[in-house]
PDB file of N, CA and C in Angstrom:
ATOM      1  N   MET A   1     108.479 105.562  84.846  1.00  0.00           N
ATOM      2  CA  MET A   1     107.162 105.235  85.327  1.00  0.00           C
ATOM      3  C   MET A   1     107.303 104.470  86.641  1.00  0.00           C
ATOM      4  N   LYS A   2     106.414 104.793  87.574  1.00  0.00           N
ATOM      5  CA  LYS A   2     106.292 104.050  88.824  1.00  0.00           C
ATOM      6  C   LYS A   2     104.986 103.270  88.779  1.00  0.00           C
ATOM      7  N   ILE A   3     104.973 102.164  89.465  1.00  0.00           N
ATOM      8  CA  ILE A   3     103.753 101.364  89.588  1.00  0.00           C
ATOM      9  C   ILE A   3     103.512 101.095  91.064  1.00  0.00           C
ATOM     10  N   LYS A   4     102.324 101.421  91.517  1.00  0.00           N
ATOM     11  CA  LYS A   4     101.916 101.133  92.884  1.00  0.00           C
ATOM     12  C   LYS A   4     100.820 100.077  92.829  1.00  0.00           C
ATOM     13  N   ILE A   5     101.012  98.992  93.533  1.00  0.00           N
ATOM     14  CA  ILE A   5     100.015  97.925  93.587  1.00  0.00           C
ATOM     15  C   ILE A   5      99.111  98.191  94.792  1.00  0.00           C
ATOM     16  N   ILE A   6      97.801  98.161  94.543  1.00  0.00           N
ATOM     17  CA  ILE A   6      96.818  98.439  95.585  1.00  0.00           C
ATOM     18  C   ILE A   6      95.858  97.252  95.661  1.00  0.00           C
ATOM     19  N   PRO A   7      96.018  96.365  96.641  1.00  0.00           N
ATOM     20  CA  PRO A   7      95.065  95.259  96.774  1.00  0.00           C
ATOM     21  C   PRO A   7      93.678  95.801  97.151  1.00  0.00           C
ATOM     22  N   VAL A   8      92.662  95.410  96.391  1.00  0.00           N
ATOM     23  CA  VAL A   8      91.298  95.885  96.625  1.00  0.00           C
ATOM     24  C   VAL A   8      90.320  94.722  96.577  1.00  0.00           C
ATOM     25  N   THR A   9      89.145  94.956  97.104  1.00  0.00           N
ATOM     26  CA  THR A   9      88.008  94.030  97.142  1.00  0.00           C
ATOM     27  C   THR A   9      88.272  92.891  98.124  1.00  0.00           C
ATOM     28  N   PRO A  10      87.220  92.174  98.498  1.00  0.00           N
ATOM     29  CA  PRO A  10      87.407  91.013  99.376  1.00  0.00           C
ATOM     30  C   PRO A  10      88.340  89.959  98.765  1.00  0.00           C
ATOM     31  N   PHE A  11      88.515  90.001  97.437  1.00  0.00           N
ATOM     32  CA  PHE A  11      89.404  89.047  96.768  1.00  0.00           C
ATOM     33  C   PHE A  11      90.865  89.485  96.820  1.00  0.00           C
ATOM     34  N   GLN A  12      91.128  90.718  97.316  1.00  0.00           N
ATOM     35  CA  GLN A  12      92.480  91.283  97.358  1.00  0.00           C
ATOM     36  C   GLN A  12      93.139  91.262  95.980  1.00  0.00           C
ATOM     37  N   GLN A  13      92.354  91.605  94.977  1.00  0.00           N
ATOM     38  CA  GLN A  13      92.812  91.721  93.600  1.00  0.00           C
ATOM     39  C   GLN A  13      93.774  92.893  93.492  1.00  0.00           C
ATOM     40  N   ASN A  14      94.821  92.742  92.700  1.00  0.00           N
ATOM     41  CA  ASN A  14      95.802  93.810  92.550  1.00  0.00           C
ATOM     42  C   ASN A  14      95.364  94.847  91.532  1.00  0.00           C
ATOM     43  N   CYS A  15      94.897  95.975  92.019  1.00  0.00           N
ATOM     44  CA  CYS A  15      94.652  97.154  91.204  1.00  0.00           C
ATOM     45  C   CYS A  15      96.013  97.844  91.099  1.00  0.00           C
ATOM     46  N   SER A  16      96.304  98.465  89.971  1.00  0.00           N
ATOM     47  CA  SER A  16      97.588  99.147  89.799  1.00  0.00           C
ATOM     48  C   SER A  16      97.376 100.625  89.534  1.00  0.00           C
ATOM     49  N   LEU A  17      98.226 101.437  90.134  1.00  0.00           N
ATOM     50  CA  LEU A  17      98.278 102.861  89.846  1.00  0.00           C
ATOM     51  C   LEU A  17      99.569 103.081  89.070  1.00  0.00           C
ATOM     52  N   LEU A  18      99.435 103.423  87.798  1.00  0.00           N
ATOM     53  CA  LEU A  18     100.591 103.702  86.952  1.00  0.00           C
ATOM     54  C   LEU A  18     100.866 105.193  87.044  1.00  0.00           C
ATOM     55  N   ILE A  19     102.093 105.570  87.354  1.00  0.00           N
ATOM     56  CA  ILE A  19     102.437 106.972  87.576  1.00  0.00           C
ATOM     57  C   ILE A  19     103.499 107.425  86.582  1.00  0.00           C
ATOM     58  N   CYS A  20     103.190 108.484  85.834  1.00  0.00           N
ATOM     59  CA  CYS A  20     104.163 109.116  84.941  1.00  0.00           C
ATOM     60  C   CYS A  20     104.955 110.110  85.791  1.00  0.00           C
ATOM     61  N   GLU A  21     106.237 109.839  85.978  1.00  0.00           N
ATOM     62  CA  GLU A  21     107.061 110.688  86.827  1.00  0.00           C
ATOM     63  C   GLU A  21     107.342 112.054  86.200  1.00  0.00           C
ATOM     64  N   THR A  22     107.201 112.157  84.888  1.00  0.00           N
ATOM     65  CA  THR A  22     107.436 113.427  84.202  1.00  0.00           C
ATOM     66  C   THR A  22     106.269 114.392  84.368  1.00  0.00           C
ATOM     67  N   SER A  23     105.056 113.882  84.195  1.00  0.00           N
ATOM     68  CA  SER A  23     103.873 114.754  84.194  1.00  0.00           C
ATOM     69  C   SER A  23     103.080 114.750  85.494  1.00  0.00           C
ATOM     70  N   SER A  24     103.364 113.812  86.388  1.00  0.00           N
ATOM     71  CA  SER A  24     102.579 113.606  87.617  1.00  0.00           C
ATOM     72  C   SER A  24     101.123 113.248  87.302  1.00  0.00           C
ATOM     73  N   LYS A  25     100.919 112.602  86.171  1.00  0.00           N
ATOM     74  CA  LYS A  25      99.616 112.055  85.801  1.00  0.00           C
ATOM     75  C   LYS A  25      99.637 110.561  86.081  1.00  0.00           C
ATOM     76  N   ALA A  26      98.457 109.982  86.242  1.00  0.00           N
ATOM     77  CA  ALA A  26      98.379 108.560  86.559  1.00  0.00           C
ATOM     78  C   ALA A  26      97.204 107.903  85.847  1.00  0.00           C
ATOM     79  N   ALA A  27      97.290 106.585  85.744  1.00  0.00           N
ATOM     80  CA  ALA A  27      96.200 105.765  85.226  1.00  0.00           C
ATOM     81  C   ALA A  27      95.957 104.649  86.236  1.00  0.00           C
ATOM     82  N   VAL A  28      94.696 104.289  86.405  1.00  0.00           N
ATOM     83  CA  VAL A  28      94.327 103.194  87.295  1.00  0.00           C
ATOM     84  C   VAL A  28      93.977 101.989  86.431  1.00  0.00           C
ATOM     85  N   VAL A  29      94.575 100.854  86.752  1.00  0.00           N
ATOM     86  CA  VAL A  29      94.301  99.614  86.036  1.00  0.00           C
ATOM     87  C   VAL A  29      93.457  98.723  86.935  1.00  0.00           C
ATOM     88  N   ASP A  30      92.289  98.349  86.437  1.00  0.00           N
ATOM     89  CA  ASP A  30      91.393  97.397  87.101  1.00  0.00           C
ATOM     90  C   ASP A  30      90.931  97.826  88.495  1.00  0.00           C
ATOM     91  N   PRO A  31      90.218  98.959  88.582  1.00  0.00           N
ATOM     92  CA  PRO A  31      89.677  99.389  89.877  1.00  0.00           C
ATOM     93  C   PRO A  31      88.440  98.574  90.252  1.00  0.00           C
ATOM     94  N   GLY A  32      88.673  97.456  90.908  1.00  0.00           N
ATOM     95  CA  GLY A  32      87.574  96.567  91.271  1.00  0.00           C
ATOM     96  C   GLY A  32      86.690  97.086  92.384  1.00  0.00           C
ATOM     97  N   GLY A  33      87.213  98.014  93.181  1.00  0.00           N
ATOM     98  CA  GLY A  33      86.464  98.564  94.298  1.00  0.00           C
ATOM     99  C   GLY A  33      87.384  99.351  95.204  1.00  0.00           C
ATOM    100  N   GLU A  34      86.874  99.715  96.386  1.00  0.00           N
ATOM    101  CA  GLU A  34      87.630 100.485  97.364  1.00  0.00           C
ATOM    102  C   GLU A  34      88.240 101.745  96.733  1.00  0.00           C
ATOM    103  N   LEU A  35      87.377 102.525  96.103  1.00  0.00           N
ATOM    104  CA  LEU A  35      87.825 103.697  95.355  1.00  0.00           C
ATOM    105  C   LEU A  35      88.482 104.742  96.236  1.00  0.00           C
ATOM    106  N   ASP A  36      88.005 104.918  97.465  1.00  0.00           N
ATOM    107  CA  ASP A  36      88.638 105.897  98.352  1.00  0.00           C
ATOM    108  C   ASP A  36      90.087 105.516  98.622  1.00  0.00           C
ATOM    109  N   LYS A  37      90.352 104.234  98.740  1.00  0.00           N
ATOM    110  CA  LYS A  37      91.719 103.749  98.949  1.00  0.00           C
ATOM    111  C   LYS A  37      92.590 104.065  97.725  1.00  0.00           C
ATOM    112  N   ILE A  38      92.068 103.844  96.527  1.00  0.00           N
ATOM    113  CA  ILE A  38      92.806 104.119  95.291  1.00  0.00           C
ATOM    114  C   ILE A  38      93.099 105.610  95.180  1.00  0.00           C
ATOM    115  N   ILE A  39      92.094 106.431  95.429  1.00  0.00           N
ATOM    116  CA  ILE A  39      92.264 107.886  95.350  1.00  0.00           C
ATOM    117  C   ILE A  39      93.253 108.368  96.407  1.00  0.00           C
ATOM    118  N   ALA A  40      93.234 107.767  97.584  1.00  0.00           N
ATOM    119  CA  ALA A  40      94.168 108.149  98.646  1.00  0.00           C
ATOM    120  C   ALA A  40      95.611 107.848  98.250  1.00  0.00           C
ATOM    121  N   VAL A  41      95.841 106.717  97.607  1.00  0.00           N
ATOM    122  CA  VAL A  41      97.201 106.384  97.158  1.00  0.00           C
ATOM    123  C   VAL A  41      97.660 107.390  96.105  1.00  0.00           C
ATOM    124  N   ALA A  42      96.773 107.764  95.191  1.00  0.00           N
ATOM    125  CA  ALA A  42      97.126 108.783  94.183  1.00  0.00           C
ATOM    126  C   ALA A  42      97.457 110.105  94.867  1.00  0.00           C
ATOM    127  N   SER A  43      96.664 110.480  95.843  1.00  0.00           N
ATOM    128  CA  SER A  43      96.894 111.722  96.581  1.00  0.00           C
ATOM    129  C   SER A  43      98.220 111.678  97.334  1.00  0.00           C
ATOM    130  N   GLU A  44      98.492 110.545  97.941  1.00  0.00           N
ATOM    131  CA  GLU A  44      99.737 110.333  98.677  1.00  0.00           C
ATOM    132  C   GLU A  44     100.965 110.565  97.782  1.00  0.00           C
ATOM    133  N   HIS A  45     100.825 110.189  96.514  1.00  0.00           N
ATOM    134  CA  HIS A  45     101.921 110.333  95.553  1.00  0.00           C
ATOM    135  C   HIS A  45     101.823 111.627  94.737  1.00  0.00           C
ATOM    136  N   GLU A  46     100.838 112.442  95.106  1.00  0.00           N
ATOM    137  CA  GLU A  46     100.631 113.759  94.483  1.00  0.00           C
ATOM    138  C   GLU A  46     100.509 113.674  92.964  1.00  0.00           C
ATOM    139  N   VAL A  47      99.650 112.749  92.517  1.00  0.00           N
ATOM    140  CA  VAL A  47      99.393 112.588  91.087  1.00  0.00           C
ATOM    141  C   VAL A  47      97.912 112.747  90.794  1.00  0.00           C
ATOM    142  N   GLU A  48      97.628 113.111  89.567  1.00  0.00           N
ATOM    143  CA  GLU A  48      96.254 113.260  89.092  1.00  0.00           C
ATOM    144  C   GLU A  48      95.898 112.058  88.222  1.00  0.00           C
ATOM    145  N   ILE A  49      94.848 111.350  88.602  1.00  0.00           N
ATOM    146  CA  ILE A  49      94.390 110.209  87.808  1.00  0.00           C
ATOM    147  C   ILE A  49      93.679 110.748  86.577  1.00  0.00           C
ATOM    148  N   GLU A  50      94.143 110.344  85.390  1.00  0.00           N
ATOM    149  CA  GLU A  50      93.553 110.854  84.154  1.00  0.00           C
ATOM    150  C   GLU A  50      92.875 109.801  83.290  1.00  0.00           C
ATOM    151  N   LYS A  51      93.071 108.504  83.592  1.00  0.00           N
ATOM    152  CA  LYS A  51      92.454 107.441  82.793  1.00  0.00           C
ATOM    153  C   LYS A  51      92.257 106.202  83.636  1.00  0.00           C
ATOM    154  N   ILE A  52      91.343 105.375  83.158  1.00  0.00           N
ATOM    155  CA  ILE A  52      91.142 104.040  83.716  1.00  0.00           C
ATOM    156  C   ILE A  52      91.391 103.045  82.593  1.00  0.00           C
ATOM    157  N   PHE A  53      92.217 102.031  82.876  1.00  0.00           N
ATOM    158  CA  PHE A  53      92.433 100.929  81.952  1.00  0.00           C
ATOM    159  C   PHE A  53      91.802  99.681  82.563  1.00  0.00           C
ATOM    160  N   VAL A  54      91.039  98.936  81.748  1.00  0.00           N
ATOM    161  CA  VAL A  54      90.357  97.735  82.240  1.00  0.00           C
ATOM    162  C   VAL A  54      90.826  96.536  81.430  1.00  0.00           C
ATOM    163  N   SER A  55      91.394  95.548  82.125  1.00  0.00           N
ATOM    164  CA  SER A  55      91.885  94.356  81.428  1.00  0.00           C
ATOM    165  C   SER A  55      90.744  93.409  81.061  1.00  0.00           C
ATOM    166  N   HIS A  56      89.779  93.272  81.974  1.00  0.00           N
ATOM    167  CA  HIS A  56      88.612  92.432  81.733  1.00  0.00           C
ATOM    168  C   HIS A  56      87.540  92.813  82.755  1.00  0.00           C
ATOM    169  N   ALA A  57      86.323  92.348  82.538  1.00  0.00           N
ATOM    170  CA  ALA A  57      85.196  92.873  83.317  1.00  0.00           C
ATOM    171  C   ALA A  57      84.650  91.935  84.388  1.00  0.00           C
ATOM    172  N   HIS A  58      85.506  91.141  85.001  1.00  0.00           N
ATOM    173  CA  HIS A  58      85.056  90.411  86.182  1.00  0.00           C
ATOM    174  C   HIS A  58      84.918  91.413  87.326  1.00  0.00           C
ATOM    175  N   ILE A  59      84.044  91.131  88.266  1.00  0.00           N
ATOM    176  CA  ILE A  59      83.691  92.073  89.321  1.00  0.00           C
ATOM    177  C   ILE A  59      84.902  92.588  90.096  1.00  0.00           C
ATOM    178  N   ASP A  60      85.874  91.734  90.385  1.00  0.00           N
ATOM    179  CA  ASP A  60      87.029  92.168  91.178  1.00  0.00           C
ATOM    180  C   ASP A  60      87.976  93.082  90.407  1.00  0.00           C
ATOM    181  N   HIS A  61      87.828  93.150  89.102  1.00  0.00           N
ATOM    182  CA  HIS A  61      88.655  94.027  88.271  1.00  0.00           C
ATOM    183  C   HIS A  61      87.887  95.241  87.762  1.00  0.00           C
ATOM    184  N   ALA A  62      86.579  95.164  87.698  1.00  0.00           N
ATOM    185  CA  ALA A  62      85.805  96.232  87.065  1.00  0.00           C
ATOM    186  C   ALA A  62      84.657  96.775  87.911  1.00  0.00           C
ATOM    187  N   GLY A  63      84.499  96.300  89.126  1.00  0.00           N
ATOM    188  CA  GLY A  63      83.382  96.709  89.963  1.00  0.00           C
ATOM    189  C   GLY A  63      83.322  98.193  90.273  1.00  0.00           C
ATOM    190  N   GLY A  64      84.460  98.875  90.284  1.00  0.00           N
ATOM    191  CA  GLY A  64      84.487 100.300  90.594  1.00  0.00           C
ATOM    192  C   GLY A  64      84.688 101.208  89.399  1.00  0.00           C
ATOM    193  N   VAL A  65      84.725 100.647  88.214  1.00  0.00           N
ATOM    194  CA  VAL A  65      85.036 101.433  87.014  1.00  0.00           C
ATOM    195  C   VAL A  65      84.041 102.560  86.783  1.00  0.00           C
ATOM    196  N   ALA A  66      82.754 102.253  86.740  1.00  0.00           N
ATOM    197  CA  ALA A  66      81.742 103.278  86.440  1.00  0.00           C
ATOM    198  C   ALA A  66      81.796 104.416  87.451  1.00  0.00           C
ATOM    199  N   GLU A  67      81.855 104.060  88.740  1.00  0.00           N
ATOM    200  CA  GLU A  67      81.849 105.100  89.770  1.00  0.00           C
ATOM    201  C   GLU A  67      83.129 105.940  89.743  1.00  0.00           C
ATOM    202  N   LEU A  68      84.285 105.310  89.545  1.00  0.00           N
ATOM    203  CA  LEU A  68      85.537 106.069  89.514  1.00  0.00           C
ATOM    204  C   LEU A  68      85.573 107.014  88.318  1.00  0.00           C
ATOM    205  N   ALA A  69      85.133 106.527  87.169  1.00  0.00           N
ATOM    206  CA  ALA A  69      85.101 107.377  85.971  1.00  0.00           C
ATOM    207  C   ALA A  69      84.185 108.582  86.191  1.00  0.00           C
ATOM    208  N   GLU A  70      83.050 108.333  86.832  1.00  0.00           N
ATOM    209  CA  GLU A  70      82.095 109.406  87.106  1.00  0.00           C
ATOM    210  C   GLU A  70      82.645 110.392  88.140  1.00  0.00           C
ATOM    211  N   ARG A  71      83.189 109.879  89.230  1.00  0.00           N
ATOM    212  CA  ARG A  71      83.718 110.743  90.293  1.00  0.00           C
ATOM    213  C   ARG A  71      84.838 111.649  89.806  1.00  0.00           C
ATOM    214  N   LEU A  72      85.721 111.106  88.958  1.00  0.00           N
ATOM    215  CA  LEU A  72      86.884 111.875  88.517  1.00  0.00           C
ATOM    216  C   LEU A  72      86.717 112.473  87.123  1.00  0.00           C
ATOM    217  N   ASP A  73      85.601 112.160  86.465  1.00  0.00           N
ATOM    218  CA  ASP A  73      85.336 112.634  85.100  1.00  0.00           C
ATOM    219  C   ASP A  73      86.505 112.299  84.173  1.00  0.00           C
ATOM    220  N   ILE A  74      86.811 111.001  84.114  1.00  0.00           N
ATOM    221  CA  ILE A  74      87.930 110.521  83.296  1.00  0.00           C
ATOM    222  C   ILE A  74      87.468 109.403  82.369  1.00  0.00           C
ATOM    223  N   PRO A  75      88.194 109.202  81.255  1.00  0.00           N
ATOM    224  CA  PRO A  75      87.814 108.167  80.291  1.00  0.00           C
ATOM    225  C   PRO A  75      88.230 106.764  80.719  1.00  0.00           C
ATOM    226  N   ILE A  76      87.541 105.804  80.112  1.00  0.00           N
ATOM    227  CA  ILE A  76      87.794 104.379  80.335  1.00  0.00           C
ATOM    228  C   ILE A  76      88.299 103.783  79.027  1.00  0.00           C
ATOM    229  N   GLU A  77      89.392 103.027  79.112  1.00  0.00           N
ATOM    230  CA  GLU A  77      89.906 102.301  77.951  1.00  0.00           C
ATOM    231  C   GLU A  77      89.919 100.818  78.291  1.00  0.00           C
ATOM    232  N   GLY A  78      89.267 100.030  77.439  1.00  0.00           N
ATOM    233  CA  GLY A  78      89.190  98.604  77.652  1.00  0.00           C
ATOM    234  C   GLY A  78      87.931  98.264  78.413  1.00  0.00           C
ATOM    235  N   PRO A  79      87.636  97.037  78.474  1.00  0.00           N
ATOM    236  CA  PRO A  79      88.349  95.876  77.966  1.00  0.00           C
ATOM    237  C   PRO A  79      88.027  95.630  76.489  1.00  0.00           C
ATOM    238  N   HIS A  80      88.109  94.372  76.090  1.00  0.00           N
ATOM    239  CA  HIS A  80      87.747  93.953  74.733  1.00  0.00           C
ATOM    240  C   HIS A  80      86.225  93.899  74.614  1.00  0.00           C
ATOM    241  N   ARG A  81      85.703  94.130  73.428  1.00  0.00           N
ATOM    242  CA  ARG A  81      84.243  94.103  73.196  1.00  0.00           C
ATOM    243  C   ARG A  81      83.572  92.812  73.647  1.00  0.00           C
ATOM    244  N   GLU A  82      84.297  91.714  73.596  1.00  0.00           N
ATOM    245  CA  GLU A  82      83.709  90.431  74.001  1.00  0.00           C
ATOM    246  C   GLU A  82      83.378  90.394  75.490  1.00  0.00           C
ATOM    247  N   ASP A  83      83.864  91.368  76.259  1.00  0.00           N
ATOM    248  CA  ASP A  83      83.534  91.448  77.681  1.00  0.00           C
ATOM    249  C   ASP A  83      82.221  92.184  77.950  1.00  0.00           C
ATOM    250  N   GLN A  84      81.513  92.587  76.901  1.00  0.00           N
ATOM    251  CA  GLN A  84      80.251  93.304  77.094  1.00  0.00           C
ATOM    252  C   GLN A  84      79.299  92.520  77.990  1.00  0.00           C
ATOM    253  N   PHE A  85      79.247  91.204  77.804  1.00  0.00           N
ATOM    254  CA  PHE A  85      78.389  90.351  78.643  1.00  0.00           C
ATOM    255  C   PHE A  85      78.711  90.558  80.117  1.00  0.00           C
ATOM    256  N   TRP A  86      80.004  90.545  80.472  1.00  0.00           N
ATOM    257  CA  TRP A  86      80.418  90.702  81.864  1.00  0.00           C
ATOM    258  C   TRP A  86      80.151  92.116  82.369  1.00  0.00           C
ATOM    259  N   ILE A  87      80.335  93.106  81.508  1.00  0.00           N
ATOM    260  CA  ILE A  87      80.031  94.491  81.890  1.00  0.00           C
ATOM    261  C   ILE A  87      78.550  94.614  82.231  1.00  0.00           C
ATOM    262  N   ASP A  88      77.707  94.058  81.371  1.00  0.00           N
ATOM    263  CA  ASP A  88      76.264  94.117  81.594  1.00  0.00           C
ATOM    264  C   ASP A  88      75.857  93.366  82.862  1.00  0.00           C
ATOM    265  N   MET A  89      76.651  92.420  83.297  1.00  0.00           N
ATOM    266  CA  MET A  89      76.341  91.581  84.450  1.00  0.00           C
ATOM    267  C   MET A  89      77.019  92.048  85.742  1.00  0.00           C
ATOM    268  N   LEU A  90      77.633  93.245  85.754  1.00  0.00           N
ATOM    269  CA  LEU A  90      78.361  93.676  86.947  1.00  0.00           C
ATOM    270  C   LEU A  90      77.481  93.734  88.198  1.00  0.00           C
ATOM    271  N   ALA A  91      76.268  94.223  88.081  1.00  0.00           N
ATOM    272  CA  ALA A  91      75.380  94.280  89.252  1.00  0.00           C
ATOM    273  C   ALA A  91      75.107  92.877  89.798  1.00  0.00           C
ATOM    274  N   GLU A  92      74.862  91.935  88.901  1.00  0.00           N
ATOM    275  CA  GLU A  92      74.595  90.557  89.317  1.00  0.00           C
ATOM    276  C   GLU A  92      75.850  89.915  89.903  1.00  0.00           C
ATOM    277  N   GLN A  93      77.013  90.193  89.287  1.00  0.00           N
ATOM    278  CA  GLN A  93      78.262  89.660  89.826  1.00  0.00           C
ATOM    279  C   GLN A  93      78.479  90.171  91.251  1.00  0.00           C
ATOM    280  N   ALA A  94      78.240  91.475  91.456  1.00  0.00           N
ATOM    281  CA  ALA A  94      78.429  92.071  92.782  1.00  0.00           C
ATOM    282  C   ALA A  94      77.534  91.369  93.809  1.00  0.00           C
ATOM    283  N   ALA A  95      76.279  91.186  93.465  1.00  0.00           N
ATOM    284  CA  ALA A  95      75.343  90.538  94.379  1.00  0.00           C
ATOM    285  C   ALA A  95      75.744  89.084  94.657  1.00  0.00           C
ATOM    286  N   SER A  96      76.178  88.383  93.644  1.00  0.00           N
ATOM    287  CA  SER A  96      76.554  86.968  93.793  1.00  0.00           C
ATOM    288  C   SER A  96      77.744  86.765  94.714  1.00  0.00           C
ATOM    289  N   PHE A  97      78.691  87.698  94.677  1.00  0.00           N
ATOM    290  CA  PHE A  97      79.913  87.540  95.456  1.00  0.00           C
ATOM    291  C   PHE A  97      79.942  88.398  96.714  1.00  0.00           C
ATOM    292  N   GLY A  98      78.836  89.080  97.016  1.00  0.00           N
ATOM    293  CA  GLY A  98      78.766  89.887  98.223  1.00  0.00           C
ATOM    294  C   GLY A  98      79.576  91.173  98.157  1.00  0.00           C
ATOM    295  N   PHE A  99      79.776  91.679  96.954  1.00  0.00           N
ATOM    296  CA  PHE A  99      80.494  92.941  96.764  1.00  0.00           C
ATOM    297  C   PHE A  99      79.526  94.111  96.896  1.00  0.00           C
ATOM    298  N   PRO A 100      80.030  95.319  97.146  1.00  0.00           N
ATOM    299  CA  PRO A 100      79.152  96.490  97.091  1.00  0.00           C
ATOM    300  C   PRO A 100      78.534  96.612  95.699  1.00  0.00           C
ATOM    301  N   ALA A 101      77.448  97.334  95.615  1.00  0.00           N
ATOM    302  CA  ALA A 101      76.761  97.513  94.322  1.00  0.00           C
ATOM    303  C   ALA A 101      77.737  98.003  93.263  1.00  0.00           C
ATOM    304  N   ALA A 102      77.573  97.494  92.061  1.00  0.00           N
ATOM    305  CA  ALA A 102      78.391  97.895  90.915  1.00  0.00           C
ATOM    306  C   ALA A 102      77.458  98.091  89.739  1.00  0.00           C
ATOM    307  N   ARG A 103      77.895  98.883  88.779  1.00  0.00           N
ATOM    308  CA  ARG A 103      77.039  99.085  87.609  1.00  0.00           C
ATOM    309  C   ARG A 103      77.849  99.031  86.323  1.00  0.00           C
ATOM    310  N   ALA A 104      77.128  98.830  85.247  1.00  0.00           N
ATOM    311  CA  ALA A 104      77.743  98.733  83.924  1.00  0.00           C
ATOM    312  C   ALA A 104      78.352 100.068  83.525  1.00  0.00           C
ATOM    313  N   PHE A 105      79.260 100.009  82.592  1.00  0.00           N
ATOM    314  CA  PHE A 105      79.921 101.197  82.050  1.00  0.00           C
ATOM    315  C   PHE A 105      80.123 100.991  80.558  1.00  0.00           C
ATOM    316  N   GLU A 106      80.392 102.066  79.864  1.00  0.00           N
ATOM    317  CA  GLU A 106      80.733 101.980  78.447  1.00  0.00           C
ATOM    318  C   GLU A 106      82.078 102.666  78.252  1.00  0.00           C
ATOM    319  N   PRO A 107      83.075 101.901  77.819  1.00  0.00           N
ATOM    320  CA  PRO A 107      84.391 102.517  77.636  1.00  0.00           C
ATOM    321  C   PRO A 107      84.386 103.507  76.473  1.00  0.00           C
ATOM    322  N   GLN A 108      85.218 104.507  76.578  1.00  0.00           N
ATOM    323  CA  GLN A 108      85.396 105.431  75.462  1.00  0.00           C
ATOM    324  C   GLN A 108      86.191 104.758  74.346  1.00  0.00           C
ATOM    325  N   ARG A 109      86.953 103.725  74.722  1.00  0.00           N
ATOM    326  CA  ARG A 109      87.749 102.995  73.738  1.00  0.00           C
ATOM    327  C   ARG A 109      87.797 101.528  74.127  1.00  0.00           C
ATOM    328  N   TRP A 110      87.335 100.676  73.217  1.00  0.00           N
ATOM    329  CA  TRP A 110      87.487  99.238  73.392  1.00  0.00           C
ATOM    330  C   TRP A 110      88.911  98.877  72.982  1.00  0.00           C
ATOM    331  N   LEU A 111      89.473  97.859  73.584  1.00  0.00           N
ATOM    332  CA  LEU A 111      90.824  97.435  73.236  1.00  0.00           C
ATOM    333  C   LEU A 111      90.785  96.135  72.447  1.00  0.00           C
ATOM    334  N   GLU A 112      91.638  96.066  71.452  1.00  0.00           N
ATOM    335  CA  GLU A 112      91.787  94.877  70.616  1.00  0.00           C
ATOM    336  C   GLU A 112      93.194  94.343  70.780  1.00  0.00           C
ATOM    337  N   GLN A 113      93.408  93.088  70.397  1.00  0.00           N
ATOM    338  CA  GLN A 113      94.723  92.478  70.474  1.00  0.00           C
ATOM    339  C   GLN A 113      95.758  93.386  69.799  1.00  0.00           C
ATOM    340  N   GLY A 114      96.840  93.671  70.496  1.00  0.00           N
ATOM    341  CA  GLY A 114      97.922  94.470  69.931  1.00  0.00           C
ATOM    342  C   GLY A 114      97.806  95.962  70.172  1.00  0.00           C
ATOM    343  N   ASP A 115      96.669  96.434  70.684  1.00  0.00           N
ATOM    344  CA  ASP A 115      96.528  97.867  70.976  1.00  0.00           C
ATOM    345  C   ASP A 115      97.484  98.290  72.091  1.00  0.00           C
ATOM    346  N   THR A 116      97.830  99.548  72.086  1.00  0.00           N
ATOM    347  CA  THR A 116      98.628 100.119  73.163  1.00  0.00           C
ATOM    348  C   THR A 116      97.812 101.196  73.852  1.00  0.00           C
ATOM    349  N   VAL A 117      98.170 101.495  75.083  1.00  0.00           N
ATOM    350  CA  VAL A 117      97.513 102.549  75.838  1.00  0.00           C
ATOM    351  C   VAL A 117      98.566 103.565  76.239  1.00  0.00           C
ATOM    352  N   LYS A 118      98.119 104.803  76.449  1.00  0.00           N
ATOM    353  CA  LYS A 118      99.032 105.879  76.820  1.00  0.00           C
ATOM    354  C   LYS A 118      98.392 106.744  77.899  1.00  0.00           C
ATOM    355  N   PHE A 119      99.240 107.331  78.720  1.00  0.00           N
ATOM    356  CA  PHE A 119      98.801 108.311  79.687  1.00  0.00           C
ATOM    357  C   PHE A 119     100.001 109.179  80.020  1.00  0.00           C
ATOM    358  N   GLY A 120      99.778 110.272  80.735  1.00  0.00           N
ATOM    359  CA  GLY A 120     100.879 111.138  81.168  1.00  0.00           C
ATOM    360  C   GLY A 120     101.456 111.972  80.055  1.00  0.00           C
TER     361      GLY A 120
END
């Protein structure tokens, strides 16, 4: 597996592109924003993004989740159910911190302590 770190958002939060070298599939971890930049890095490495993993729903980690999932028609895994409050507040978080508009999302799979994720 390769990992590419992609600083995104005005906070320069580290979004990660996880790359399976066997399948040329990838997962994006915490796409807070700058989706064209994330997609360009995937293209540069000739991989197909197949999942989004979300560690938590603060704006700098989750601001681009809904749009990326929609644009690429891919599933979202995470965060924990207790982050529902933050997911519901993404638009307000974006406005408060001067981020581009963001919207709530519903993951296909919530993550609990001890869960594992897979891709590729």
